[in-house]
Amino acid sequence: MAEGFAHEYGADIVAAESAGLAPAGMVVEETVRTMAEKSVDISGQYSKAFRLDEANECDLVVNMSGLGLPHGIRSPVVEWKVRDPIGESEEVYAQVRDQVEALVTDLIWKFRGKRSNPAKNA
């Protein structure tokens, strides 16, 4: 979800990639469908394994796993507390999607040098 929103809203300033500590190799249909409700197509995405060498080439690592990351990360790390919706209801998927969207857009606004996302204050 985060990678999809980052591509959709911040492709001009971020090169987002996602990876997991225990990747499944695919994105579940519920996630694809939930993102499509926001007109964000992630059907071509798949889960990839976290690689320390790649993480250390990033300007920022966002950890949404709720787990500790491997030792040796030199890049700055931001921790986002996000519920894993796998196996949950459509309502939970939508809540998680909306939370991730807000977190990603806030981060993009910070990258753009703005103090806050004006859409959030509307």
PDB file of N, CA and C in Angstrom:
ATOM      1  N   MET A   1       0.823  -1.193   0.000  1.00  0.00           N
ATOM      2  CA  MET A   1       0.000   0.000   0.000  1.00  0.00           C
ATOM      3  C   MET A   1       0.866   1.256   0.000  1.00  0.00           C
ATOM      4  N   ALA A   2       1.853   1.304   0.876  1.00  0.00           N
ATOM      5  CA  ALA A   2       2.686   2.505   0.975  1.00  0.00           C
ATOM      6  C   ALA A   2       3.423   2.776  -0.327  1.00  0.00           C
ATOM      7  N   GLU A   3       3.969   1.735  -0.925  1.00  0.00           N
ATOM      8  CA  GLU A   3       4.672   1.910  -2.192  1.00  0.00           C
ATOM      9  C   GLU A   3       3.721   2.438  -3.264  1.00  0.00           C
ATOM     10  N   GLY A   4       2.523   1.900  -3.321  1.00  0.00           N
ATOM     11  CA  GLY A   4       1.536   2.349  -4.301  1.00  0.00           C
ATOM     12  C   GLY A   4       1.181   3.813  -4.125  1.00  0.00           C
ATOM     13  N   PHE A   5       0.919   4.231  -2.888  1.00  0.00           N
ATOM     14  CA  PHE A   5       0.599   5.635  -2.638  1.00  0.00           C
ATOM     15  C   PHE A   5       1.795   6.540  -2.926  1.00  0.00           C
ATOM     16  N   ALA A   6       2.984   6.094  -2.585  1.00  0.00           N
ATOM     17  CA  ALA A   6       4.179   6.899  -2.849  1.00  0.00           C
ATOM     18  C   ALA A   6       4.358   7.119  -4.341  1.00  0.00           C
ATOM     19  N   HIS A   7       4.142   6.090  -5.136  1.00  0.00           N
ATOM     20  CA  HIS A   7       4.241   6.235  -6.594  1.00  0.00           C
ATOM     21  C   HIS A   7       3.142   7.155  -7.117  1.00  0.00           C
ATOM     22  N   GLU A   8       1.953   7.006  -6.571  1.00  0.00           N
ATOM     23  CA  GLU A   8       0.810   7.784  -7.040  1.00  0.00           C
ATOM     24  C   GLU A   8       0.941   9.270  -6.710  1.00  0.00           C
ATOM     25  N   TYR A   9       1.386   9.593  -5.493  1.00  0.00           N
ATOM     26  CA  TYR A   9       1.379  10.984  -5.028  1.00  0.00           C
ATOM     27  C   TYR A   9       2.745  11.658  -5.028  1.00  0.00           C
ATOM     28  N   GLY A  10       3.812  10.886  -5.049  1.00  0.00           N
ATOM     29  CA  GLY A  10       5.126  11.505  -4.905  1.00  0.00           C
ATOM     30  C   GLY A  10       6.175  11.035  -5.877  1.00  0.00           C
ATOM     31  N   ALA A  11       5.754  10.515  -7.019  1.00  0.00           N
ATOM     32  CA  ALA A  11       6.721   9.960  -7.974  1.00  0.00           C
ATOM     33  C   ALA A  11       7.748  10.984  -8.430  1.00  0.00           C
ATOM     34  N   ASP A  12       7.409  12.264  -8.339  1.00  0.00           N
ATOM     35  CA  ASP A  12       8.341  13.302  -8.758  1.00  0.00           C
ATOM     36  C   ASP A  12       9.460  13.557  -7.748  1.00  0.00           C
ATOM     37  N   ILE A  13       9.293  13.066  -6.504  1.00  0.00           N
ATOM     38  CA  ILE A  13      10.329  13.344  -5.500  1.00  0.00           C
ATOM     39  C   ILE A  13      10.801  12.125  -4.715  1.00  0.00           C
ATOM     40  N   VAL A  14      10.108  10.993  -4.850  1.00  0.00           N
ATOM     41  CA  VAL A  14      10.536   9.785  -4.142  1.00  0.00           C
ATOM     42  C   VAL A  14      10.625   8.604  -5.100  1.00  0.00           C
ATOM     43  N   ALA A  15      11.556   7.733  -4.820  1.00  0.00           N
ATOM     44  CA  ALA A  15      11.676   6.465  -5.542  1.00  0.00           C
ATOM     45  C   ALA A  15      11.407   5.375  -4.508  1.00  0.00           C
ATOM     46  N   ALA A  16      10.136   5.063  -4.321  1.00  0.00           N
ATOM     47  CA  ALA A  16       9.720   4.143  -3.265  1.00  0.00           C
ATOM     48  C   ALA A  16       9.831   2.695  -3.708  1.00  0.00           C
ATOM     49  N   GLU A  17      10.305   1.879  -2.791  1.00  0.00           N
ATOM     50  CA  GLU A  17      10.332   0.431  -2.980  1.00  0.00           C
ATOM     51  C   GLU A  17       9.932  -0.199  -1.663  1.00  0.00           C
ATOM     52  N   SER A  18       9.209  -1.295  -1.742  1.00  0.00           N
ATOM     53  CA  SER A  18       8.806  -1.978  -0.525  1.00  0.00           C
ATOM     54  C   SER A  18       9.497  -3.324  -0.428  1.00  0.00           C
ATOM     55  N   ALA A  19       9.666  -3.766   0.804  1.00  0.00           N
ATOM     56  CA  ALA A  19      10.269  -5.073   1.066  1.00  0.00           C
ATOM     57  C   ALA A  19       9.794  -5.529   2.436  1.00  0.00           C
ATOM     58  N   GLY A  20       9.771  -6.829   2.615  1.00  0.00           N
ATOM     59  CA  GLY A  20       9.285  -7.363   3.876  1.00  0.00           C
ATOM     60  C   GLY A  20      10.288  -8.268   4.550  1.00  0.00           C
ATOM     61  N   LEU A  21      10.126  -8.403   5.853  1.00  0.00           N
ATOM     62  CA  LEU A  21      10.990  -9.293   6.622  1.00  0.00           C
ATOM     63  C   LEU A  21      10.619 -10.755   6.395  1.00  0.00           C
ATOM     64  N   ALA A  22       9.351 -11.004   6.033  1.00  0.00           N
ATOM     65  CA  ALA A  22       8.896 -12.360   5.709  1.00  0.00           C
ATOM     66  C   ALA A  22       7.974 -12.270   4.497  1.00  0.00           C
ATOM     67  N   PRO A  23       8.532 -11.972   3.305  1.00  0.00           N
ATOM     68  CA  PRO A  23       7.698 -11.735   2.132  1.00  0.00           C
ATOM     69  C   PRO A  23       6.966 -12.987   1.655  1.00  0.00           C
ATOM     70  N   ALA A  24       5.735 -12.752   1.181  1.00  0.00           N
ATOM     71  CA  ALA A  24       4.920 -13.847   0.667  1.00  0.00           C
ATOM     72  C   ALA A  24       5.135 -14.060  -0.826  1.00  0.00           C
ATOM     73  N   GLY A  25       5.788 -13.109  -1.486  1.00  0.00           N
ATOM     74  CA  GLY A  25       6.034 -13.228  -2.915  1.00  0.00           C
ATOM     75  C   GLY A  25       4.915 -12.688  -3.780  1.00  0.00           C
ATOM     76  N   MET A  26       3.829 -12.256  -3.167  1.00  0.00           N
ATOM     77  CA  MET A  26       2.685 -11.731  -3.902  1.00  0.00           C
ATOM     78  C   MET A  26       1.928 -10.754  -3.016  1.00  0.00           C
ATOM     79  N   VAL A  27       1.076  -9.981  -3.644  1.00  0.00           N
ATOM     80  CA  VAL A  27       0.194  -9.073  -2.917  1.00  0.00           C
ATOM     81  C   VAL A  27      -1.201  -9.686  -2.966  1.00  0.00           C
ATOM     82  N   VAL A  28      -1.826  -9.856  -1.816  1.00  0.00           N
ATOM     83  CA  VAL A  28      -3.132 -10.516  -1.779  1.00  0.00           C
ATOM     84  C   VAL A  28      -4.194  -9.686  -2.495  1.00  0.00           C
ATOM     85  N   GLU A  29      -5.163 -10.380  -3.067  1.00  0.00           N
ATOM     86  CA  GLU A  29      -6.213  -9.740  -3.869  1.00  0.00           C
ATOM     87  C   GLU A  29      -6.976  -8.681  -3.078  1.00  0.00           C
ATOM     88  N   GLU A  30      -7.203  -8.899  -1.796  1.00  0.00           N
ATOM     89  CA  GLU A  30      -7.923  -7.918  -0.981  1.00  0.00           C
ATOM     90  C   GLU A  30      -7.187  -6.583  -0.957  1.00  0.00           C
ATOM     91  N   THR A  31      -5.862  -6.619  -0.906  1.00  0.00           N
ATOM     92  CA  THR A  31      -5.070  -5.393  -0.895  1.00  0.00           C
ATOM     93  C   THR A  31      -5.169  -4.697  -2.245  1.00  0.00           C
ATOM     94  N   VAL A  32      -5.046  -5.453  -3.332  1.00  0.00           N
ATOM     95  CA  VAL A  32      -5.157  -4.882  -4.676  1.00  0.00           C
ATOM     96  C   VAL A  32      -6.527  -4.226  -4.850  1.00  0.00           C
ATOM     97  N   ARG A  33      -7.569  -4.911  -4.436  1.00  0.00           N
ATOM     98  CA  ARG A  33      -8.939  -4.409  -4.576  1.00  0.00           C
ATOM     99  C   ARG A  33      -9.152  -3.152  -3.725  1.00  0.00           C
ATOM    100  N   THR A  34      -8.658  -3.169  -2.507  1.00  0.00           N
ATOM    101  CA  THR A  34      -8.822  -2.024  -1.614  1.00  0.00           C
ATOM    102  C   THR A  34      -8.105  -0.790  -2.166  1.00  0.00           C
ATOM    103  N   MET A  35      -6.935  -0.985  -2.735  1.00  0.00           N
ATOM    104  CA  MET A  35      -6.203   0.130  -3.331  1.00  0.00           C
ATOM    105  C   MET A  35      -6.896   0.627  -4.600  1.00  0.00           C
ATOM    106  N   ALA A  36      -7.491  -0.276  -5.360  1.00  0.00           N
ATOM    107  CA  ALA A  36      -8.211   0.112  -6.582  1.00  0.00           C
ATOM    108  C   ALA A  36      -9.383   1.040  -6.255  1.00  0.00           C
ATOM    109  N   GLU A  37      -9.942   0.895  -5.061  1.00  0.00           N
ATOM    110  CA  GLU A  37     -11.022   1.798  -4.631  1.00  0.00           C
ATOM    111  C   GLU A  37     -10.547   3.243  -4.560  1.00  0.00           C
ATOM    112  N   LYS A  38      -9.246   3.446  -4.426  1.00  0.00           N
ATOM    113  CA  LYS A  38      -8.635   4.780  -4.419  1.00  0.00           C
ATOM    114  C   LYS A  38      -7.985   5.090  -5.768  1.00  0.00           C
ATOM    115  N   SER A  39      -8.284   4.282  -6.773  1.00  0.00           N
ATOM    116  CA  SER A  39      -7.730   4.428  -8.126  1.00  0.00           C
ATOM    117  C   SER A  39      -6.210   4.299  -8.149  1.00  0.00           C
ATOM    118  N   VAL A  40      -5.675   3.462  -7.281  1.00  0.00           N
ATOM    119  CA  VAL A  40      -4.243   3.176  -7.254  1.00  0.00           C
ATOM    120  C   VAL A  40      -4.070   1.706  -7.641  1.00  0.00           C
ATOM    121  N   ASP A  41      -3.417   1.471  -8.767  1.00  0.00           N
ATOM    122  CA  ASP A  41      -3.232   0.121  -9.282  1.00  0.00           C
ATOM    123  C   ASP A  41      -1.916  -0.461  -8.765  1.00  0.00           C
ATOM    124  N   ILE A  42      -2.008  -1.463  -7.912  1.00  0.00           N
ATOM    125  CA  ILE A  42      -0.807  -2.148  -7.412  1.00  0.00           C
ATOM    126  C   ILE A  42      -0.785  -3.600  -7.872  1.00  0.00           C
ATOM    127  N   SER A  43      -1.558  -3.900  -8.902  1.00  0.00           N
ATOM    128  CA  SER A  43      -1.664  -5.290  -9.365  1.00  0.00           C
ATOM    129  C   SER A  43      -0.333  -5.842  -9.872  1.00  0.00           C
ATOM    130  N   GLY A  44       0.582  -4.977 -10.265  1.00  0.00           N
ATOM    131  CA  GLY A  44       1.886  -5.427 -10.741  1.00  0.00           C
ATOM    132  C   GLY A  44       2.934  -5.537  -9.648  1.00  0.00           C
ATOM    133  N   GLN A  45       2.576  -5.169  -8.431  1.00  0.00           N
ATOM    134  CA  GLN A  45       3.520  -5.242  -7.322  1.00  0.00           C
ATOM    135  C   GLN A  45       3.584  -6.663  -6.767  1.00  0.00           C
ATOM    136  N   TYR A  46       4.697  -6.987  -6.131  1.00  0.00           N
ATOM    137  CA  TYR A  46       4.845  -8.256  -5.437  1.00  0.00           C
ATOM    138  C   TYR A  46       5.725  -8.006  -4.217  1.00  0.00           C
ATOM    139  N   SER A  47       5.601  -8.843  -3.221  1.00  0.00           N
ATOM    140  CA  SER A  47       6.411  -8.646  -2.024  1.00  0.00           C
ATOM    141  C   SER A  47       7.831  -9.142  -2.271  1.00  0.00           C
ATOM    142  N   LYS A  48       8.761  -8.355  -1.804  1.00  0.00           N
ATOM    143  CA  LYS A  48      10.185  -8.642  -1.980  1.00  0.00           C
ATOM    144  C   LYS A  48      10.840  -8.766  -0.618  1.00  0.00           C
ATOM    145  N   ALA A  49      11.942  -9.465  -0.552  1.00  0.00           N
ATOM    146  CA  ALA A  49      12.656  -9.647   0.712  1.00  0.00           C
ATOM    147  C   ALA A  49      13.461  -8.401   1.057  1.00  0.00           C
ATOM    148  N   PHE A  50      13.461  -8.066   2.337  1.00  0.00           N
ATOM    149  CA  PHE A  50      14.272  -6.954   2.847  1.00  0.00           C
ATOM    150  C   PHE A  50      15.743  -7.308   2.684  1.00  0.00           C
ATOM    151  N   ARG A  51      16.505  -6.371   2.135  1.00  0.00           N
ATOM    152  CA  ARG A  51      17.945  -6.575   1.970  1.00  0.00           C
ATOM    153  C   ARG A  51      18.682  -5.417   2.624  1.00  0.00           C
ATOM    154  N   LEU A  52      19.539  -5.741   3.552  1.00  0.00           N
ATOM    155  CA  LEU A  52      20.268  -4.723   4.300  1.00  0.00           C
ATOM    156  C   LEU A  52      21.091  -3.830   3.377  1.00  0.00           C
ATOM    157  N   ASP A  53      21.754  -4.404   2.392  1.00  0.00           N
ATOM    158  CA  ASP A  53      22.578  -3.594   1.492  1.00  0.00           C
ATOM    159  C   ASP A  53      21.727  -2.570   0.739  1.00  0.00           C
ATOM    160  N   GLU A  54      20.540  -2.961   0.301  1.00  0.00           N
ATOM    161  CA  GLU A  54      19.657  -2.028  -0.388  1.00  0.00           C
ATOM    162  C   GLU A  54      19.103  -0.984   0.576  1.00  0.00           C
ATOM    163  N   ALA A  55      18.761  -1.397   1.786  1.00  0.00           N
ATOM    164  CA  ALA A  55      18.247  -0.456   2.785  1.00  0.00           C
ATOM    165  C   ALA A  55      19.281   0.619   3.091  1.00  0.00           C
ATOM    166  N   ASN A  56      20.533   0.237   3.128  1.00  0.00           N
ATOM    167  CA  ASN A  56      21.585   1.191   3.447  1.00  0.00           C
ATOM    168  C   ASN A  56      21.879   2.171   2.314  1.00  0.00           C
ATOM    169  N   GLU A  57      21.300   1.947   1.153  1.00  0.00           N
ATOM    170  CA  GLU A  57      21.430   2.889   0.040  1.00  0.00           C
ATOM    171  C   GLU A  57      20.281   3.895   0.021  1.00  0.00           C
ATOM    172  N   CYS A  58      19.312   3.712   0.908  1.00  0.00           N
ATOM    173  CA  CYS A  58      18.132   4.575   0.935  1.00  0.00           C
ATOM    174  C   CYS A  58      18.369   5.815   1.799  1.00  0.00           C
ATOM    175  N   ASP A  59      17.648   6.881   1.460  1.00  0.00           N
ATOM    176  CA  ASP A  59      17.685   8.094   2.280  1.00  0.00           C
ATOM    177  C   ASP A  59      16.837   7.927   3.533  1.00  0.00           C
ATOM    178  N   LEU A  60      15.853   7.020   3.473  1.00  0.00           N
ATOM    179  CA  LEU A  60      14.957   6.789   4.603  1.00  0.00           C
ATOM    180  C   LEU A  60      14.362   5.392   4.478  1.00  0.00           C
ATOM    181  N   VAL A  61      14.274   4.688   5.605  1.00  0.00           N
ATOM    182  CA  VAL A  61      13.612   3.390   5.666  1.00  0.00           C
ATOM    183  C   VAL A  61      12.398   3.554   6.575  1.00  0.00           C
ATOM    184  N   VAL A  62      11.241   3.161   6.082  1.00  0.00           N
ATOM    185  CA  VAL A  62      10.023   3.196   6.875  1.00  0.00           C
ATOM    186  C   VAL A  62       9.696   1.764   7.266  1.00  0.00           C
ATOM    187  N   ASN A  63       9.638   1.512   8.565  1.00  0.00           N
ATOM    188  CA  ASN A  63       9.326   0.173   9.078  1.00  0.00           C
ATOM    189  C   ASN A  63       7.869   0.147   9.515  1.00  0.00           C
ATOM    190  N   MET A  64       7.068  -0.640   8.812  1.00  0.00           N
ATOM    191  CA  MET A  64       5.654  -0.809   9.144  1.00  0.00           C
ATOM    192  C   MET A  64       5.380  -2.202   9.686  1.00  0.00           C
ATOM    193  N   SER A  65       6.430  -2.984   9.888  1.00  0.00           N
ATOM    194  CA  SER A  65       6.252  -4.396  10.222  1.00  0.00           C
ATOM    195  C   SER A  65       5.858  -4.636  11.668  1.00  0.00           C
ATOM    196  N   GLY A  66       6.193  -3.702  12.541  1.00  0.00           N
ATOM    197  CA  GLY A  66       5.974  -3.934  13.959  1.00  0.00           C
ATOM    198  C   GLY A  66       7.079  -4.777  14.574  1.00  0.00           C
ATOM    199  N   LEU A  67       8.028  -5.199  13.756  1.00  0.00           N
ATOM    200  CA  LEU A  67       9.164  -6.010  14.208  1.00  0.00           C
ATOM    201  C   LEU A  67      10.443  -5.177  14.132  1.00  0.00           C
ATOM    202  N   GLY A  68      11.427  -5.590  14.889  1.00  0.00           N
ATOM    203  CA  GLY A  68      12.714  -4.929  14.807  1.00  0.00           C
ATOM    204  C   GLY A  68      13.400  -5.248  13.493  1.00  0.00           C
ATOM    205  N   LEU A  69      14.080  -4.270  12.949  1.00  0.00           N
ATOM    206  CA  LEU A  69      14.822  -4.480  11.714  1.00  0.00           C
ATOM    207  C   LEU A  69      16.186  -5.081  12.020  1.00  0.00           C
ATOM    208  N   PRO A  70      16.781  -5.730  11.049  1.00  0.00           N
ATOM    209  CA  PRO A  70      18.108  -6.324  11.275  1.00  0.00           C
ATOM    210  C   PRO A  70      19.138  -5.264  11.683  1.00  0.00           C
ATOM    211  N   HIS A  71      20.105  -5.677  12.456  1.00  0.00           N
ATOM    212  CA  HIS A  71      21.178  -4.768  12.868  1.00  0.00           C
ATOM    213  C   HIS A  71      22.010  -4.394  11.646  1.00  0.00           C
ATOM    214  N   GLY A  72      22.579  -3.204  11.696  1.00  0.00           N
ATOM    215  CA  GLY A  72      23.462  -2.767  10.632  1.00  0.00           C
ATOM    216  C   GLY A  72      22.856  -1.746   9.695  1.00  0.00           C
ATOM    217  N   ILE A  73      21.633  -1.293   9.977  1.00  0.00           N
ATOM    218  CA  ILE A  73      21.030  -0.277   9.121  1.00  0.00           C
ATOM    219  C   ILE A  73      21.677   1.065   9.423  1.00  0.00           C
ATOM    220  N   ARG A  74      22.215   1.681   8.375  1.00  0.00           N
ATOM    221  CA  ARG A  74      22.846   2.993   8.530  1.00  0.00           C
ATOM    222  C   ARG A  74      21.907   4.118   8.106  1.00  0.00           C
ATOM    223  N   SER A  75      20.892   3.806   7.338  1.00  0.00           N
ATOM    224  CA  SER A  75      19.925   4.809   6.890  1.00  0.00           C
ATOM    225  C   SER A  75      18.998   5.181   8.045  1.00  0.00           C
ATOM    226  N   PRO A  76      18.487   6.412   8.039  1.00  0.00           N
ATOM    227  CA  PRO A  76      17.491   6.784   9.056  1.00  0.00           C
ATOM    228  C   PRO A  76      16.259   5.880   8.942  1.00  0.00           C
ATOM    229  N   VAL A  77      15.666   5.556  10.080  1.00  0.00           N
ATOM    230  CA  VAL A  77      14.486   4.678  10.115  1.00  0.00           C
ATOM    231  C   VAL A  77      13.338   5.407  10.805  1.00  0.00           C
ATOM    232  N   VAL A  78      12.161   5.343  10.189  1.00  0.00           N
ATOM    233  CA  VAL A  78      10.926   5.852  10.766  1.00  0.00           C
ATOM    234  C   VAL A  78      10.042   4.641  11.036  1.00  0.00           C
ATOM    235  N   GLU A  79       9.442   4.587  12.215  1.00  0.00           N
ATOM    236  CA  GLU A  79       8.553   3.474  12.583  1.00  0.00           C
ATOM    237  C   GLU A  79       7.097   3.933  12.477  1.00  0.00           C
ATOM    238  N   TRP A  80       6.325   3.228  11.674  1.00  0.00           N
ATOM    239  CA  TRP A  80       4.892   3.482  11.572  1.00  0.00           C
ATOM    240  C   TRP A  80       4.154   2.299  12.170  1.00  0.00           C
ATOM    241  N   LYS A  81       3.254   2.555  13.108  1.00  0.00           N
ATOM    242  CA  LYS A  81       2.442   1.498  13.698  1.00  0.00           C
ATOM    243  C   LYS A  81       1.189   1.325  12.837  1.00  0.00           C
ATOM    244  N   VAL A  82       1.212   0.254  12.035  1.00  0.00           N
ATOM    245  CA  VAL A  82       0.124  -0.022  11.105  1.00  0.00           C
ATOM    246  C   VAL A  82      -0.302  -1.475  11.294  1.00  0.00           C
ATOM    247  N   ARG A  83      -1.588  -1.665  11.466  1.00  0.00           N
ATOM    248  CA  ARG A  83      -2.145  -3.020  11.625  1.00  0.00           C
ATOM    249  C   ARG A  83      -2.001  -3.800  10.323  1.00  0.00           C
ATOM    250  N   ASP A  84      -1.671  -5.062  10.413  1.00  0.00           N
ATOM    251  CA  ASP A  84      -1.625  -5.932   9.237  1.00  0.00           C
ATOM    252  C   ASP A  84      -3.050  -6.417   8.977  1.00  0.00           C
ATOM    253  N   PRO A  85      -3.634  -6.071   7.821  1.00  0.00           N
ATOM    254  CA  PRO A  85      -5.035  -6.433   7.578  1.00  0.00           C
ATOM    255  C   PRO A  85      -5.256  -7.841   7.038  1.00  0.00           C
ATOM    256  N   ILE A  86      -4.197  -8.595   6.799  1.00  0.00           N
ATOM    257  CA  ILE A  86      -4.348  -9.928   6.212  1.00  0.00           C
ATOM    258  C   ILE A  86      -5.331 -10.758   7.045  1.00  0.00           C
ATOM    259  N   GLY A  87      -6.334 -11.298   6.372  1.00  0.00           N
ATOM    260  CA  GLY A  87      -7.335 -12.136   7.022  1.00  0.00           C
ATOM    261  C   GLY A  87      -8.434 -11.360   7.724  1.00  0.00           C
ATOM    262  N   GLU A  88      -8.395 -10.034   7.625  1.00  0.00           N
ATOM    263  CA  GLU A  88      -9.395  -9.195   8.290  1.00  0.00           C
ATOM    264  C   GLU A  88     -10.526  -8.834   7.321  1.00  0.00           C
ATOM    265  N   SER A  89     -11.492  -8.087   7.814  1.00  0.00           N
ATOM    266  CA  SER A  89     -12.647  -7.686   7.016  1.00  0.00           C
ATOM    267  C   SER A  89     -12.276  -6.579   6.018  1.00  0.00           C
ATOM    268  N   GLU A  90     -13.179  -6.350   5.057  1.00  0.00           N
ATOM    269  CA  GLU A  90     -12.993  -5.263   4.090  1.00  0.00           C
ATOM    270  C   GLU A  90     -12.892  -3.925   4.816  1.00  0.00           C
ATOM    271  N   GLU A  91     -13.647  -3.782   5.893  1.00  0.00           N
ATOM    272  CA  GLU A  91     -13.621  -2.538   6.667  1.00  0.00           C
ATOM    273  C   GLU A  91     -12.230  -2.290   7.254  1.00  0.00           C
ATOM    274  N   VAL A  92     -11.600  -3.320   7.775  1.00  0.00           N
ATOM    275  CA  VAL A  92     -10.245  -3.182   8.323  1.00  0.00           C
ATOM    276  C   VAL A  92      -9.262  -2.839   7.214  1.00  0.00           C
ATOM    277  N   TYR A  93      -9.381  -3.502   6.069  1.00  0.00           N
ATOM    278  CA  TYR A  93      -8.516  -3.180   4.928  1.00  0.00           C
ATOM    279  C   TYR A  93      -8.631  -1.704   4.570  1.00  0.00           C
ATOM    280  N   ALA A  94      -9.867  -1.191   4.519  1.00  0.00           N
ATOM    281  CA  ALA A  94     -10.086   0.211   4.169  1.00  0.00           C
ATOM    282  C   ALA A  94      -9.497   1.140   5.228  1.00  0.00           C
ATOM    283  N   GLN A  95      -9.648   0.789   6.499  1.00  0.00           N
ATOM    284  CA  GLN A  95      -9.078   1.610   7.571  1.00  0.00           C
ATOM    285  C   GLN A  95      -7.557   1.651   7.481  1.00  0.00           C
ATOM    286  N   VAL A  96      -6.948   0.500   7.250  1.00  0.00           N
ATOM    287  CA  VAL A  96      -5.489   0.429   7.128  1.00  0.00           C
ATOM    288  C   VAL A  96      -5.039   1.208   5.897  1.00  0.00           C
ATOM    289  N   ARG A  97      -5.728   1.020   4.789  1.00  0.00           N
ATOM    290  CA  ARG A  97      -5.394   1.754   3.561  1.00  0.00           C
ATOM    291  C   ARG A  97      -5.423   3.255   3.797  1.00  0.00           C
ATOM    292  N   ASP A  98      -6.476   3.737   4.455  1.00  0.00           N
ATOM    293  CA  ASP A  98      -6.607   5.168   4.696  1.00  0.00           C
ATOM    294  C   ASP A  98      -5.519   5.678   5.650  1.00  0.00           C
ATOM    295  N   GLN A  99      -5.157   4.870   6.635  1.00  0.00           N
ATOM    296  CA  GLN A  99      -4.069   5.241   7.549  1.00  0.00           C
ATOM    297  C   GLN A  99      -2.745   5.327   6.794  1.00  0.00           C
ATOM    298  N   VAL A 100      -2.477   4.333   5.956  1.00  0.00           N
ATOM    299  CA  VAL A 100      -1.227   4.321   5.188  1.00  0.00           C
ATOM    300  C   VAL A 100      -1.207   5.506   4.223  1.00  0.00           C
ATOM    301  N   GLU A 101      -2.331   5.792   3.587  1.00  0.00           N
ATOM    302  CA  GLU A 101      -2.395   6.936   2.680  1.00  0.00           C
ATOM    303  C   GLU A 101      -2.048   8.232   3.413  1.00  0.00           C
ATOM    304  N   ALA A 102      -2.606   8.425   4.603  1.00  0.00           N
ATOM    305  CA  ALA A 102      -2.323   9.641   5.375  1.00  0.00           C
ATOM    306  C   ALA A 102      -0.847   9.715   5.767  1.00  0.00           C
ATOM    307  N   LEU A 103      -0.275   8.606   6.187  1.00  0.00           N
ATOM    308  CA  LEU A 103       1.142   8.591   6.568  1.00  0.00           C
ATOM    309  C   LEU A 103       2.037   8.903   5.377  1.00  0.00           C
ATOM    310  N   VAL A 104       1.737   8.299   4.241  1.00  0.00           N
ATOM    311  CA  VAL A 104       2.551   8.529   3.040  1.00  0.00           C
ATOM    312  C   VAL A 104       2.422   9.975   2.573  1.00  0.00           C
ATOM    313  N   THR A 105       1.208  10.489   2.524  1.00  0.00           N
ATOM    314  CA  THR A 105       1.050  11.870   2.048  1.00  0.00           C
ATOM    315  C   THR A 105       1.706  12.858   3.001  1.00  0.00           C
ATOM    316  N   ASP A 106       1.637  12.615   4.291  1.00  0.00           N
ATOM    317  CA  ASP A 106       2.333  13.489   5.243  1.00  0.00           C
ATOM    318  C   ASP A 106       3.840  13.461   4.997  1.00  0.00           C
ATOM    319  N   LEU A 107       4.381  12.281   4.764  1.00  0.00           N
ATOM    320  CA  LEU A 107       5.816  12.160   4.503  1.00  0.00           C
ATOM    321  C   LEU A 107       6.187  12.886   3.207  1.00  0.00           C
ATOM    322  N   ILE A 108       5.377  12.747   2.196  1.00  0.00           N
ATOM    323  CA  ILE A 108       5.645  13.434   0.927  1.00  0.00           C
ATOM    324  C   ILE A 108       5.612  14.947   1.125  1.00  0.00           C
ATOM    325  N   TRP A 109       4.645  15.426   1.883  1.00  0.00           N
ATOM    326  CA  TRP A 109       4.586  16.872   2.150  1.00  0.00           C
ATOM    327  C   TRP A 109       5.837  17.332   2.888  1.00  0.00           C
ATOM    328  N   LYS A 110       6.337  16.533   3.789  1.00  0.00           N
ATOM    329  CA  LYS A 110       7.586  16.899   4.486  1.00  0.00           C
ATOM    330  C   LYS A 110       8.746  16.943   3.499  1.00  0.00           C
ATOM    331  N   PHE A 111       8.797  15.991   2.589  1.00  0.00           N
ATOM    332  CA  PHE A 111       9.843  15.994   1.565  1.00  0.00           C
ATOM    333  C   PHE A 111       9.740  17.235   0.677  1.00  0.00           C
ATOM    334  N   ARG A 112       8.535  17.679   0.437  1.00  0.00           N
ATOM    335  CA  ARG A 112       8.337  18.856  -0.396  1.00  0.00           C
ATOM    336  C   ARG A 112       8.658  20.151   0.354  1.00  0.00           C
ATOM    337  N   GLY A 113       8.959  20.033   1.649  1.00  0.00           N
ATOM    338  CA  GLY A 113       9.303  21.217   2.428  1.00  0.00           C
ATOM    339  C   GLY A 113       8.119  21.928   3.030  1.00  0.00           C
ATOM    340  N   LYS A 114       6.975  21.293   3.004  1.00  0.00           N
ATOM    341  CA  LYS A 114       5.774  21.874   3.604  1.00  0.00           C
ATOM    342  C   LYS A 114       5.678  21.393   5.035  1.00  0.00           C
ATOM    343  N   ARG A 115       5.013  22.161   5.860  1.00  0.00           N
ATOM    344  CA  ARG A 115       4.868  21.756   7.255  1.00  0.00           C
ATOM    345  C   ARG A 115       3.796  20.708   7.448  1.00  0.00           C
ATOM    346  N   SER A 116       2.721  20.774   6.661  1.00  0.00           N
ATOM    347  CA  SER A 116       1.659  19.787   6.806  1.00  0.00           C
ATOM    348  C   SER A 116       0.884  19.660   5.499  1.00  0.00           C
ATOM    349  N   ASN A 117       0.137  18.601   5.424  1.00  0.00           N
ATOM    350  CA  ASN A 117      -0.676  18.303   4.253  1.00  0.00           C
ATOM    351  C   ASN A 117      -1.956  19.143   4.338  1.00  0.00           C
ATOM    352  N   PRO A 118      -2.185  20.088   3.390  1.00  0.00           N
ATOM    353  CA  PRO A 118      -3.381  20.922   3.471  1.00  0.00           C
ATOM    354  C   PRO A 118      -4.677  20.139   3.333  1.00  0.00           C
ATOM    355  N   ALA A 119      -4.654  18.996   2.643  1.00  0.00           N
ATOM    356  CA  ALA A 119      -5.861  18.184   2.509  1.00  0.00           C
ATOM    357  C   ALA A 119      -6.296  17.621   3.851  1.00  0.00           C
ATOM    358  N   LYS A 120      -5.343  17.425   4.735  1.00  0.00           N
ATOM    359  CA  LYS A 120      -5.656  16.892   6.057  1.00  0.00           C
ATOM    360  C   LYS A 120      -6.412  17.919   6.911  1.00  0.00           C
ATOM    361  N   ASN A 121      -6.200  19.195   6.622  1.00  0.00           N
ATOM    362  CA  ASN A 121      -6.835  20.267   7.397  1.00  0.00           C
ATOM    363  C   ASN A 121      -8.134  20.750   6.790  1.00  0.00           C
ATOM    364  N   ALA A 122      -8.548  20.130   5.675  1.00  0.00           N
ATOM    365  CA  ALA A 122      -9.769  20.568   4.989  1.00  0.00           C
ATOM    366  C   ALA A 122     -11.011  20.027   5.652  1.00  0.00           C
TER     367      ALA A 122
END
